[in-house]
Amino acid sequence: MIANYLRRHDGVITLAQARNAGMSEHAVRRRVRSGQWRRCGTGVYFADDRPYTAAARIRAAVWSRGHLAAASGLAAAWWLGLTKVDPRVVEVTVPRNSHGRAGPGVRLRRRDLCDDDVVEHRGLRVTAPALTALEAAARAGGPAIMDTALQRSGLRLAELQRAHLRNRGRHGAVAARRMLEAAAGGARSEAERRIVHLLRAADITGWKANYPVGKYVVDIAFPAARVAIEVDGWAFHSDPQAFQNDRNRQNKLSLNGWTVLRFTWLDITQHPDNVLAEIHAAISAR
């Protein structure tokens, strides 16, 4: 029974769980003394006959902080599959009145979570997907995590907005609010403003904004080089008809001899150097 439990829970077990499985406290101490198990938190042990994986590290950090603790931030994003990069520091949210220090490799957030903002996933309490996406958005790579949440996890923008309102004042709330505003419809216009700023800062000339080409208006055009830059919003924000219209428009421009570059809000905000390099390459080639 203990072996099956350890296999299902990444090699991590609590003293209370061991007792429920029929093991005495003396037997637990004996395993620790023999080196079979090692203590990795208050009342939490790891069976040292297997790798200490990211899952084990996160589970141990949460279980060590009591039954009301929950993985949050990038740790929750990794646990829920919103990012493939496991966090160097495990963020754990605990009740506001809890005691104890974080310890190496752990960051504590003290606040009270409502029931709507906590889920149990693979036997571990974590912040719910909506709150996780919002909080991860304030960290490195956060915008991509929010994008992934909306594209692949079935989340809707309204759920993110409700979670944001329930958790005002949290760490990273301002950054998350800006992304929500962009996702709600302002991403494309904000991306256009940013790419214009990038072009000016890089002293790239010869371009015109909102340039007419036939029956279309190109977001940014280099008429002499016949290079058109089309700016998209967030990937999830386009409906199927808008997607098809954009592709028809791009095909028409290409048939008329224009090179079309497409950039998303994430491209421009997260990888501006790549955007400028592609623009340089396109206008130089013509």
C-alpha atoms as a PDB file:
ATOM      1  CA  MET A   1       0.000   0.000   0.000  1.00  0.00           C
ATOM      2  CA  ILE A   2       2.819   2.416   0.857  1.00  0.00           C
ATOM      3  CA  ALA A   3       4.666   1.555  -2.382  1.00  0.00           C
ATOM      4  CA  ASN A   4       1.559   2.236  -4.473  1.00  0.00           C
ATOM      5  CA  TYR A   5       1.001   5.498  -2.661  1.00  0.00           C
ATOM      6  CA  LEU A   6       4.570   6.660  -3.266  1.00  0.00           C
ATOM      7  CA  ARG A   7       4.324   5.727  -6.936  1.00  0.00           C
ATOM      8  CA  ARG A   8       1.168   7.805  -7.388  1.00  0.00           C
ATOM      9  CA  HIS A   9       2.565  10.814  -5.499  1.00  0.00           C
ATOM     10  CA  ASP A  10       6.045  11.256  -6.971  1.00  0.00           C
ATOM     11  CA  GLY A  11       7.745   9.484  -4.054  1.00  0.00           C
ATOM     12  CA  VAL A  12       6.413  11.985  -1.479  1.00  0.00           C
ATOM     13  CA  ILE A  13       4.380  11.079   1.604  1.00  0.00           C
ATOM     14  CA  THR A  14       3.313  12.841   4.795  1.00  0.00           C
ATOM     15  CA  LEU A  15       3.415  11.405   8.294  1.00  0.00           C
ATOM     16  CA  ALA A  16      -0.389  11.544   8.461  1.00  0.00           C
ATOM     17  CA  GLN A  17      -0.695   9.670   5.175  1.00  0.00           C
ATOM     18  CA  ALA A  18       1.751   7.003   6.322  1.00  0.00           C
ATOM     19  CA  ARG A  19      -0.260   6.526   9.515  1.00  0.00           C
ATOM     20  CA  ASN A  20      -3.490   6.220   7.531  1.00  0.00           C
ATOM     21  CA  ALA A  21      -1.808   3.514   5.468  1.00  0.00           C
ATOM     22  CA  GLY A  22      -1.077   1.559   8.667  1.00  0.00           C
ATOM     23  CA  MET A  23       2.521   2.613   9.335  1.00  0.00           C
ATOM     24  CA  SER A  24       3.547   3.650  12.834  1.00  0.00           C
ATOM     25  CA  GLU A  25       5.549   6.774  13.592  1.00  0.00           C
ATOM     26  CA  HIS A  26       8.355   4.520  14.819  1.00  0.00           C
ATOM     27  CA  ALA A  27       8.445   2.761  11.436  1.00  0.00           C
ATOM     28  CA  VAL A  28       8.658   6.121   9.667  1.00  0.00           C
ATOM     29  CA  ARG A  29      11.589   7.199  11.865  1.00  0.00           C
ATOM     30  CA  ARG A  30      13.314   3.883  11.193  1.00  0.00           C
ATOM     31  CA  ARG A  31      13.109   4.439   7.441  1.00  0.00           C
ATOM     32  CA  VAL A  32      14.542   7.908   7.870  1.00  0.00           C
ATOM     33  CA  ARG A  33      17.444   6.617   9.988  1.00  0.00           C
ATOM     34  CA  SER A  34      18.217   3.895   7.458  1.00  0.00           C
ATOM     35  CA  GLY A  35      18.291   6.393   4.597  1.00  0.00           C
ATOM     36  CA  GLN A  36      15.309   4.879   2.775  1.00  0.00           C
ATOM     37  CA  TRP A  37      13.337   8.057   3.306  1.00  0.00           C
ATOM     38  CA  ARG A  38      14.553  11.579   3.794  1.00  0.00           C
ATOM     39  CA  ARG A  39      12.753  14.390   5.523  1.00  0.00           C
ATOM     40  CA  CYS A  40      12.039  17.252   3.120  1.00  0.00           C
ATOM     41  CA  GLY A  41       9.694  19.343   5.240  1.00  0.00           C
ATOM     42  CA  THR A  42       7.654  19.334   8.416  1.00  0.00           C
ATOM     43  CA  GLY A  43       6.040  15.882   8.525  1.00  0.00           C
ATOM     44  CA  VAL A  44       6.856  15.262   4.840  1.00  0.00           C
ATOM     45  CA  TYR A  45       9.200  12.580   3.499  1.00  0.00           C
ATOM     46  CA  PHE A  46      10.620  11.450   0.182  1.00  0.00           C
ATOM     47  CA  ALA A  47      11.459   7.854  -0.704  1.00  0.00           C
ATOM     48  CA  ASP A  48      15.080   8.206  -1.761  1.00  0.00           C
ATOM     49  CA  ASP A  49      15.118   5.275  -4.183  1.00  0.00           C
ATOM     50  CA  ARG A  50      14.058   7.447  -7.147  1.00  0.00           C
ATOM     51  CA  PRO A  51      14.918  10.818  -8.731  1.00  0.00           C
ATOM     52  CA  TYR A  52      13.813  13.917  -6.854  1.00  0.00           C
ATOM     53  CA  THR A  53      11.810  15.333  -9.747  1.00  0.00           C
ATOM     54  CA  ALA A  54      10.208  18.746 -10.211  1.00  0.00           C
ATOM     55  CA  ALA A  55       6.871  17.159  -9.336  1.00  0.00           C
ATOM     56  CA  ALA A  56       8.296  15.764  -6.085  1.00  0.00           C
ATOM     57  CA  ARG A  57       9.867  19.129  -5.238  1.00  0.00           C
ATOM     58  CA  ILE A  58       6.594  21.011  -5.767  1.00  0.00           C
ATOM     59  CA  ARG A  59       4.484  18.424  -3.956  1.00  0.00           C
ATOM     60  CA  ALA A  60       6.830  18.378  -0.963  1.00  0.00           C
ATOM     61  CA  ALA A  61       6.913  22.181  -0.768  1.00  0.00           C
ATOM     62  CA  VAL A  62       3.105  22.405  -0.729  1.00  0.00           C
ATOM     63  CA  TRP A  63       2.459  19.502   1.632  1.00  0.00           C
ATOM     64  CA  SER A  64       5.056  20.875   4.063  1.00  0.00           C
ATOM     65  CA  ARG A  65       2.941  24.024   4.546  1.00  0.00           C
ATOM     66  CA  GLY A  66      -0.263  22.389   5.750  1.00  0.00           C
ATOM     67  CA  HIS A  67      -3.524  21.184   4.251  1.00  0.00           C
ATOM     68  CA  LEU A  68      -4.644  24.705   3.195  1.00  0.00           C
ATOM     69  CA  ALA A  69      -1.496  25.465   1.202  1.00  0.00           C
ATOM     70  CA  ALA A  70      -1.608  25.547  -2.593  1.00  0.00           C
ATOM     71  CA  ALA A  71       0.987  25.733  -5.347  1.00  0.00           C
ATOM     72  CA  SER A  72       0.722  29.076  -7.144  1.00  0.00           C
ATOM     73  CA  GLY A  73       2.485  31.231  -9.737  1.00  0.00           C
ATOM     74  CA  LEU A  74       4.864  29.413 -12.069  1.00  0.00           C
ATOM     75  CA  ALA A  75       4.764  26.269  -9.914  1.00  0.00           C
ATOM     76  CA  ALA A  76       1.009  26.006 -10.469  1.00  0.00           C
ATOM     77  CA  ALA A  77       1.430  26.833 -14.161  1.00  0.00           C
ATOM     78  CA  TRP A  78       3.887  23.951 -14.538  1.00  0.00           C
ATOM     79  CA  TRP A  79       1.672  21.594 -12.535  1.00  0.00           C
ATOM     80  CA  LEU A  80      -1.351  22.406 -14.717  1.00  0.00           C
ATOM     81  CA  GLY A  81       0.610  22.049 -17.953  1.00  0.00           C
ATOM     82  CA  LEU A  82       0.548  25.739 -18.915  1.00  0.00           C
ATOM     83  CA  THR A  83       4.349  25.818 -19.217  1.00  0.00           C
ATOM     84  CA  LYS A  84       7.007  23.153 -19.727  1.00  0.00           C
ATOM     85  CA  VAL A  85       9.657  25.033 -17.739  1.00  0.00           C
ATOM     86  CA  ASP A  86       9.683  23.844 -14.152  1.00  0.00           C
ATOM     87  CA  PRO A  87      10.215  26.702 -11.680  1.00  0.00           C
ATOM     88  CA  ARG A  88      13.546  27.196  -9.960  1.00  0.00           C
ATOM     89  CA  VAL A  89      11.695  28.522  -6.901  1.00  0.00           C
ATOM     90  CA  VAL A  90       8.406  26.911  -5.845  1.00  0.00           C
ATOM     91  CA  GLU A  91       5.755  29.475  -4.978  1.00  0.00           C
ATOM     92  CA  VAL A  92       3.269  28.346  -2.336  1.00  0.00           C
ATOM     93  CA  THR A  93       0.223  30.324  -1.229  1.00  0.00           C
ATOM     94  CA  VAL A  94      -0.724  29.841   2.435  1.00  0.00           C
ATOM     95  CA  PRO A  95      -3.461  31.393   4.620  1.00  0.00           C
ATOM     96  CA  ARG A  96      -2.766  34.907   5.820  1.00  0.00           C
ATOM     97  CA  ASN A  97      -2.543  33.865   9.481  1.00  0.00           C
ATOM     98  CA  SER A  98      -0.152  30.944   8.909  1.00  0.00           C
ATOM     99  CA  HIS A  99       3.300  30.807  10.452  1.00  0.00           C
ATOM    100  CA  GLY A 100       6.669  29.462   9.403  1.00  0.00           C
ATOM    101  CA  ARG A 101       9.425  30.437   7.006  1.00  0.00           C
ATOM    102  CA  ALA A 102       9.696  29.682   3.338  1.00  0.00           C
ATOM    103  CA  GLY A 103      12.947  27.711   3.366  1.00  0.00           C
ATOM    104  CA  PRO A 104      15.407  27.186   0.487  1.00  0.00           C
ATOM    105  CA  GLY A 105      13.850  27.047  -2.947  1.00  0.00           C
ATOM    106  CA  VAL A 106      10.389  28.100  -1.736  1.00  0.00           C
ATOM    107  CA  ARG A 107       8.585  31.450  -1.843  1.00  0.00           C
ATOM    108  CA  LEU A 108       5.518  31.943   0.371  1.00  0.00           C
ATOM    109  CA  ARG A 109       2.533  34.131  -0.501  1.00  0.00           C
ATOM    110  CA  ARG A 110       0.291  34.812   2.495  1.00  0.00           C
ATOM    111  CA  ARG A 111      -3.350  35.410   1.559  1.00  0.00           C
ATOM    112  CA  ASP A 112      -6.707  33.715   1.820  1.00  0.00           C
ATOM    113  CA  LEU A 113      -7.959  32.072  -1.371  1.00  0.00           C
ATOM    114  CA  CYS A 114     -11.642  31.582  -2.073  1.00  0.00           C
ATOM    115  CA  ASP A 115     -12.945  28.171  -3.140  1.00  0.00           C
ATOM    116  CA  ASP A 116     -13.303  29.248  -6.781  1.00  0.00           C
ATOM    117  CA  ASP A 117      -9.570  29.932  -6.966  1.00  0.00           C
ATOM    118  CA  VAL A 118      -8.318  26.517  -5.811  1.00  0.00           C
ATOM    119  CA  VAL A 119      -8.470  23.122  -7.514  1.00  0.00           C
ATOM    120  CA  GLU A 120      -7.021  19.723  -6.721  1.00  0.00           C
ATOM    121  CA  HIS A 121      -5.006  18.298  -9.593  1.00  0.00           C
ATOM    122  CA  ARG A 122      -3.129  15.008  -9.380  1.00  0.00           C
ATOM    123  CA  GLY A 123      -3.671  14.963  -5.633  1.00  0.00           C
ATOM    124  CA  LEU A 124      -2.270  18.440  -4.987  1.00  0.00           C
ATOM    125  CA  ARG A 125      -3.962  21.741  -4.173  1.00  0.00           C
ATOM    126  CA  VAL A 126      -3.040  24.400  -6.744  1.00  0.00           C
ATOM    127  CA  THR A 127      -4.477  27.738  -7.728  1.00  0.00           C
ATOM    128  CA  ALA A 128      -7.209  27.339 -10.350  1.00  0.00           C
ATOM    129  CA  PRO A 129      -6.245  27.780 -14.030  1.00  0.00           C
ATOM    130  CA  ALA A 130      -7.673  31.306 -14.322  1.00  0.00           C
ATOM    131  CA  LEU A 131      -5.837  32.683 -11.289  1.00  0.00           C
ATOM    132  CA  THR A 132      -2.709  30.710 -12.207  1.00  0.00           C
ATOM    133  CA  ALA A 133      -2.608  32.250 -15.685  1.00  0.00           C
ATOM    134  CA  LEU A 134      -3.051  35.743 -14.249  1.00  0.00           C
ATOM    135  CA  GLU A 135      -0.328  35.337 -11.634  1.00  0.00           C
ATOM    136  CA  ALA A 136       2.094  33.671 -14.023  1.00  0.00           C
ATOM    137  CA  ALA A 137       1.546  36.581 -16.416  1.00  0.00           C
ATOM    138  CA  ALA A 138       3.539  38.760 -14.018  1.00  0.00           C
ATOM    139  CA  ARG A 139       6.546  36.440 -14.232  1.00  0.00           C
ATOM    140  CA  ALA A 140       9.083  35.820 -16.999  1.00  0.00           C
ATOM    141  CA  GLY A 141       7.314  34.233 -19.958  1.00  0.00           C
ATOM    142  CA  GLY A 142       3.948  35.104 -18.437  1.00  0.00           C
ATOM    143  CA  PRO A 143       2.214  36.434 -21.573  1.00  0.00           C
ATOM    144  CA  ALA A 144       2.897  33.154 -23.371  1.00  0.00           C
ATOM    145  CA  ILE A 145       1.446  31.250 -20.402  1.00  0.00           C
ATOM    146  CA  MET A 146      -1.738  33.342 -20.525  1.00  0.00           C
ATOM    147  CA  ASP A 147      -1.943  32.739 -24.269  1.00  0.00           C
ATOM    148  CA  THR A 148      -1.542  28.986 -23.749  1.00  0.00           C
ATOM    149  CA  ALA A 149      -4.233  28.979 -21.071  1.00  0.00           C
ATOM    150  CA  LEU A 150      -6.744  30.638 -23.379  1.00  0.00           C
ATOM    151  CA  GLN A 151      -5.879  28.547 -26.429  1.00  0.00           C
ATOM    152  CA  ARG A 152      -5.514  25.075 -24.942  1.00  0.00           C
ATOM    153  CA  SER A 153      -7.066  24.776 -21.514  1.00  0.00           C
ATOM    154  CA  GLY A 154     -10.614  25.801 -22.379  1.00  0.00           C
ATOM    155  CA  LEU A 155     -10.447  28.986 -20.322  1.00  0.00           C
ATOM    156  CA  ARG A 156     -12.484  31.964 -21.426  1.00  0.00           C
ATOM    157  CA  LEU A 157     -11.525  35.604 -21.105  1.00  0.00           C
ATOM    158  CA  ALA A 158     -14.498  36.230 -18.790  1.00  0.00           C
ATOM    159  CA  GLU A 159     -13.131  33.656 -16.315  1.00  0.00           C
ATOM    160  CA  LEU A 160      -9.803  35.467 -16.208  1.00  0.00           C
ATOM    161  CA  GLN A 161     -11.541  38.784 -15.644  1.00  0.00           C
ATOM    162  CA  ARG A 162     -13.616  37.380 -12.763  1.00  0.00           C
ATOM    163  CA  ALA A 163     -10.537  35.848 -11.135  1.00  0.00           C
ATOM    164  CA  HIS A 164      -8.752  39.188 -11.492  1.00  0.00           C
ATOM    165  CA  LEU A 165     -11.572  41.047  -9.748  1.00  0.00           C
ATOM    166  CA  ARG A 166     -11.693  38.491  -6.918  1.00  0.00           C
ATOM    167  CA  ASN A 167      -7.969  38.912  -6.273  1.00  0.00           C
ATOM    168  CA  ARG A 168      -7.287  42.626  -6.566  1.00  0.00           C
ATOM    169  CA  GLY A 169      -4.142  43.805  -4.864  1.00  0.00           C
ATOM    170  CA  ARG A 170      -2.238  40.561  -5.377  1.00  0.00           C
ATOM    171  CA  HIS A 171       1.373  40.499  -6.607  1.00  0.00           C
ATOM    172  CA  GLY A 172       1.483  41.188 -10.364  1.00  0.00           C
ATOM    173  CA  ALA A 173      -2.116  42.421 -10.597  1.00  0.00           C
ATOM    174  CA  VAL A 174      -1.186  45.534 -12.598  1.00  0.00           C
ATOM    175  CA  ALA A 175       0.725  43.562 -15.254  1.00  0.00           C
ATOM    176  CA  ALA A 176      -2.107  41.044 -15.517  1.00  0.00           C
ATOM    177  CA  ARG A 177      -4.694  43.816 -15.900  1.00  0.00           C
ATOM    178  CA  ARG A 178      -2.782  45.270 -18.845  1.00  0.00           C
ATOM    179  CA  MET A 179      -2.714  41.899 -20.551  1.00  0.00           C
ATOM    180  CA  LEU A 180      -6.419  41.407 -19.940  1.00  0.00           C
ATOM    181  CA  GLU A 181      -7.120  44.775 -21.525  1.00  0.00           C
ATOM    182  CA  ALA A 182      -5.016  43.780 -24.520  1.00  0.00           C
ATOM    183  CA  ALA A 183      -6.719  40.404 -24.805  1.00  0.00           C
ATOM    184  CA  ALA A 184     -10.157  42.030 -24.597  1.00  0.00           C
ATOM    185  CA  GLY A 185      -9.623  43.857 -27.873  1.00  0.00           C
ATOM    186  CA  GLY A 186      -6.736  46.266 -27.566  1.00  0.00           C
ATOM    187  CA  ALA A 187      -3.927  43.879 -28.457  1.00  0.00           C
ATOM    188  CA  ARG A 188      -3.855  44.719 -32.137  1.00  0.00           C
ATOM    189  CA  SER A 189      -3.863  48.496 -31.712  1.00  0.00           C
ATOM    190  CA  GLU A 190      -1.313  48.311 -28.888  1.00  0.00           C
ATOM    191  CA  ALA A 191       0.901  46.077 -31.037  1.00  0.00           C
ATOM    192  CA  GLU A 192       0.704  48.589 -33.894  1.00  0.00           C
ATOM    193  CA  ARG A 193       1.795  51.396 -31.578  1.00  0.00           C
ATOM    194  CA  ARG A 194       4.678  49.317 -30.276  1.00  0.00           C
ATOM    195  CA  ILE A 195       5.957  48.314 -33.697  1.00  0.00           C
ATOM    196  CA  VAL A 196       5.913  51.946 -34.808  1.00  0.00           C
ATOM    197  CA  HIS A 197       7.947  52.767 -31.691  1.00  0.00           C
ATOM    198  CA  LEU A 198      10.396  49.954 -32.536  1.00  0.00           C
ATOM    199  CA  LEU A 199      10.867  51.239 -36.088  1.00  0.00           C
ATOM    200  CA  ARG A 200      11.498  54.783 -34.916  1.00  0.00           C
ATOM    201  CA  ALA A 201      13.879  53.704 -32.149  1.00  0.00           C
ATOM    202  CA  ALA A 202      15.854  51.633 -34.676  1.00  0.00           C
ATOM    203  CA  ASP A 203      15.968  54.570 -37.161  1.00  0.00           C
ATOM    204  CA  ILE A 204      14.245  52.498 -39.839  1.00  0.00           C
ATOM    205  CA  THR A 205      12.691  54.811 -42.436  1.00  0.00           C
ATOM    206  CA  GLY A 206      10.703  54.458 -45.639  1.00  0.00           C
ATOM    207  CA  TRP A 207       7.552  53.110 -44.028  1.00  0.00           C
ATOM    208  CA  LYS A 208       3.986  54.383 -43.906  1.00  0.00           C
ATOM    209  CA  ALA A 209       1.233  53.380 -41.490  1.00  0.00           C
ATOM    210  CA  ASN A 210      -2.251  52.435 -42.723  1.00  0.00           C
ATOM    211  CA  TYR A 211      -1.095  52.394 -46.342  1.00  0.00           C
ATOM    212  CA  PRO A 212      -3.679  51.582 -49.066  1.00  0.00           C
ATOM    213  CA  VAL A 213      -2.815  48.732 -51.444  1.00  0.00           C
ATOM    214  CA  GLY A 214      -5.659  48.116 -53.870  1.00  0.00           C
ATOM    215  CA  LYS A 215      -8.824  47.538 -51.863  1.00  0.00           C
ATOM    216  CA  TYR A 216      -6.843  46.769 -48.702  1.00  0.00           C
ATOM    217  CA  VAL A 217      -5.181  48.967 -46.086  1.00  0.00           C
ATOM    218  CA  VAL A 218      -1.858  47.592 -44.854  1.00  0.00           C
ATOM    219  CA  ASP A 219      -0.985  48.199 -41.203  1.00  0.00           C
ATOM    220  CA  ILE A 220       2.576  49.270 -42.026  1.00  0.00           C
ATOM    221  CA  ALA A 221       4.071  49.327 -45.529  1.00  0.00           C
ATOM    222  CA  PHE A 222       7.462  49.919 -47.096  1.00  0.00           C
ATOM    223  CA  PRO A 223       6.173  50.991 -50.528  1.00  0.00           C
ATOM    224  CA  ALA A 224       9.576  51.143 -52.243  1.00  0.00           C
ATOM    225  CA  ALA A 225      10.498  47.633 -51.105  1.00  0.00           C
ATOM    226  CA  ARG A 226       6.899  46.370 -51.437  1.00  0.00           C
ATOM    227  CA  VAL A 227       7.017  44.921 -47.934  1.00  0.00           C
ATOM    228  CA  ALA A 228       3.811  44.834 -45.889  1.00  0.00           C
ATOM    229  CA  ILE A 229       3.678  44.316 -42.129  1.00  0.00           C
ATOM    230  CA  GLU A 230       0.421  42.968 -40.784  1.00  0.00           C
ATOM    231  CA  VAL A 231      -0.152  43.080 -37.023  1.00  0.00           C
ATOM    232  CA  ASP A 232      -2.335  40.499 -35.293  1.00  0.00           C
ATOM    233  CA  GLY A 233      -3.744  40.451 -31.799  1.00  0.00           C
ATOM    234  CA  TRP A 234      -3.430  37.478 -29.488  1.00  0.00           C
ATOM    235  CA  ALA A 235      -3.568  34.179 -31.343  1.00  0.00           C
ATOM    236  CA  PHE A 236      -6.674  33.020 -29.479  1.00  0.00           C
ATOM    237  CA  HIS A 237      -8.595  36.193 -30.183  1.00  0.00           C
ATOM    238  CA  SER A 238      -9.237  35.617 -33.887  1.00  0.00           C
ATOM    239  CA  ASP A 239     -12.452  33.883 -34.849  1.00  0.00           C
ATOM    240  CA  PRO A 240     -12.416  31.461 -37.853  1.00  0.00           C
ATOM    241  CA  GLN A 241     -13.873  34.018 -40.278  1.00  0.00           C
ATOM    242  CA  ALA A 242     -11.330  36.677 -39.296  1.00  0.00           C
ATOM    243  CA  PHE A 243      -8.566  34.102 -39.701  1.00  0.00           C
ATOM    244  CA  GLN A 244      -9.768  33.242 -43.221  1.00  0.00           C
ATOM    245  CA  ASN A 245     -10.129  36.904 -44.192  1.00  0.00           C
ATOM    246  CA  ASP A 246      -6.572  37.612 -43.071  1.00  0.00           C
ATOM    247  CA  ARG A 247      -5.249  34.738 -45.185  1.00  0.00           C
ATOM    248  CA  ASN A 248      -7.228  35.841 -48.265  1.00  0.00           C
ATOM    249  CA  ARG A 249      -5.850  39.354 -47.838  1.00  0.00           C
ATOM    250  CA  GLN A 250      -2.298  38.048 -47.488  1.00  0.00           C
ATOM    251  CA  ASN A 251      -2.623  35.924 -50.625  1.00  0.00           C
ATOM    252  CA  LYS A 252      -3.869  38.906 -52.657  1.00  0.00           C
ATOM    253  CA  LEU A 253      -0.981  41.072 -51.499  1.00  0.00           C
ATOM    254  CA  SER A 254       1.526  38.328 -52.343  1.00  0.00           C
ATOM    255  CA  LEU A 255       0.063  37.904 -55.827  1.00  0.00           C
ATOM    256  CA  ASN A 256       0.529  41.646 -56.350  1.00  0.00           C
ATOM    257  CA  GLY A 257       4.242  41.333 -55.593  1.00  0.00           C
ATOM    258  CA  TRP A 258       4.292  42.250 -51.893  1.00  0.00           C
ATOM    259  CA  THR A 259       6.258  40.421 -49.221  1.00  0.00           C
ATOM    260  CA  VAL A 260       3.974  40.082 -46.203  1.00  0.00           C
ATOM    261  CA  LEU A 261       5.312  39.767 -42.644  1.00  0.00           C
ATOM    262  CA  ARG A 262       2.869  38.913 -39.857  1.00  0.00           C
ATOM    263  CA  PHE A 263       3.594  39.641 -36.202  1.00  0.00           C
ATOM    264  CA  THR A 264       1.470  39.026 -33.124  1.00  0.00           C
ATOM    265  CA  TRP A 265       1.252  41.019 -29.922  1.00  0.00           C
ATOM    266  CA  LEU A 266       3.414  38.371 -28.275  1.00  0.00           C
ATOM    267  CA  ASP A 267       6.065  38.636 -31.021  1.00  0.00           C
ATOM    268  CA  ILE A 268       6.338  42.381 -30.602  1.00  0.00           C
ATOM    269  CA  THR A 269       6.278  42.498 -26.813  1.00  0.00           C
ATOM    270  CA  GLN A 270       8.383  39.410 -26.091  1.00  0.00           C
ATOM    271  CA  HIS A 271      10.783  39.197 -29.071  1.00  0.00           C
ATOM    272  CA  PRO A 272      11.250  42.722 -30.465  1.00  0.00           C
ATOM    273  CA  ASP A 273      14.817  42.056 -31.669  1.00  0.00           C
ATOM    274  CA  ASN A 274      13.588  39.148 -33.803  1.00  0.00           C
ATOM    275  CA  VAL A 275      10.852  41.350 -35.262  1.00  0.00           C
ATOM    276  CA  LEU A 276      13.350  44.046 -36.251  1.00  0.00           C
ATOM    277  CA  ALA A 277      15.744  41.466 -37.728  1.00  0.00           C
ATOM    278  CA  GLU A 278      13.002  40.025 -39.941  1.00  0.00           C
ATOM    279  CA  ILE A 279      11.954  43.479 -41.113  1.00  0.00           C
ATOM    280  CA  HIS A 280      15.583  44.391 -41.903  1.00  0.00           C
ATOM    281  CA  ALA A 281      16.009  41.166 -43.871  1.00  0.00           C
ATOM    282  CA  ALA A 282      12.798  41.700 -45.868  1.00  0.00           C
ATOM    283  CA  ILE A 283      13.420  45.331 -46.885  1.00  0.00           C
ATOM    284  CA  SER A 284      17.098  44.617 -47.669  1.00  0.00           C
ATOM    285  CA  ALA A 285      16.200  41.711 -49.937  1.00  0.00           C
ATOM    286  CA  ARG A 286      14.010  43.959 -52.115  1.00  0.00           C
END
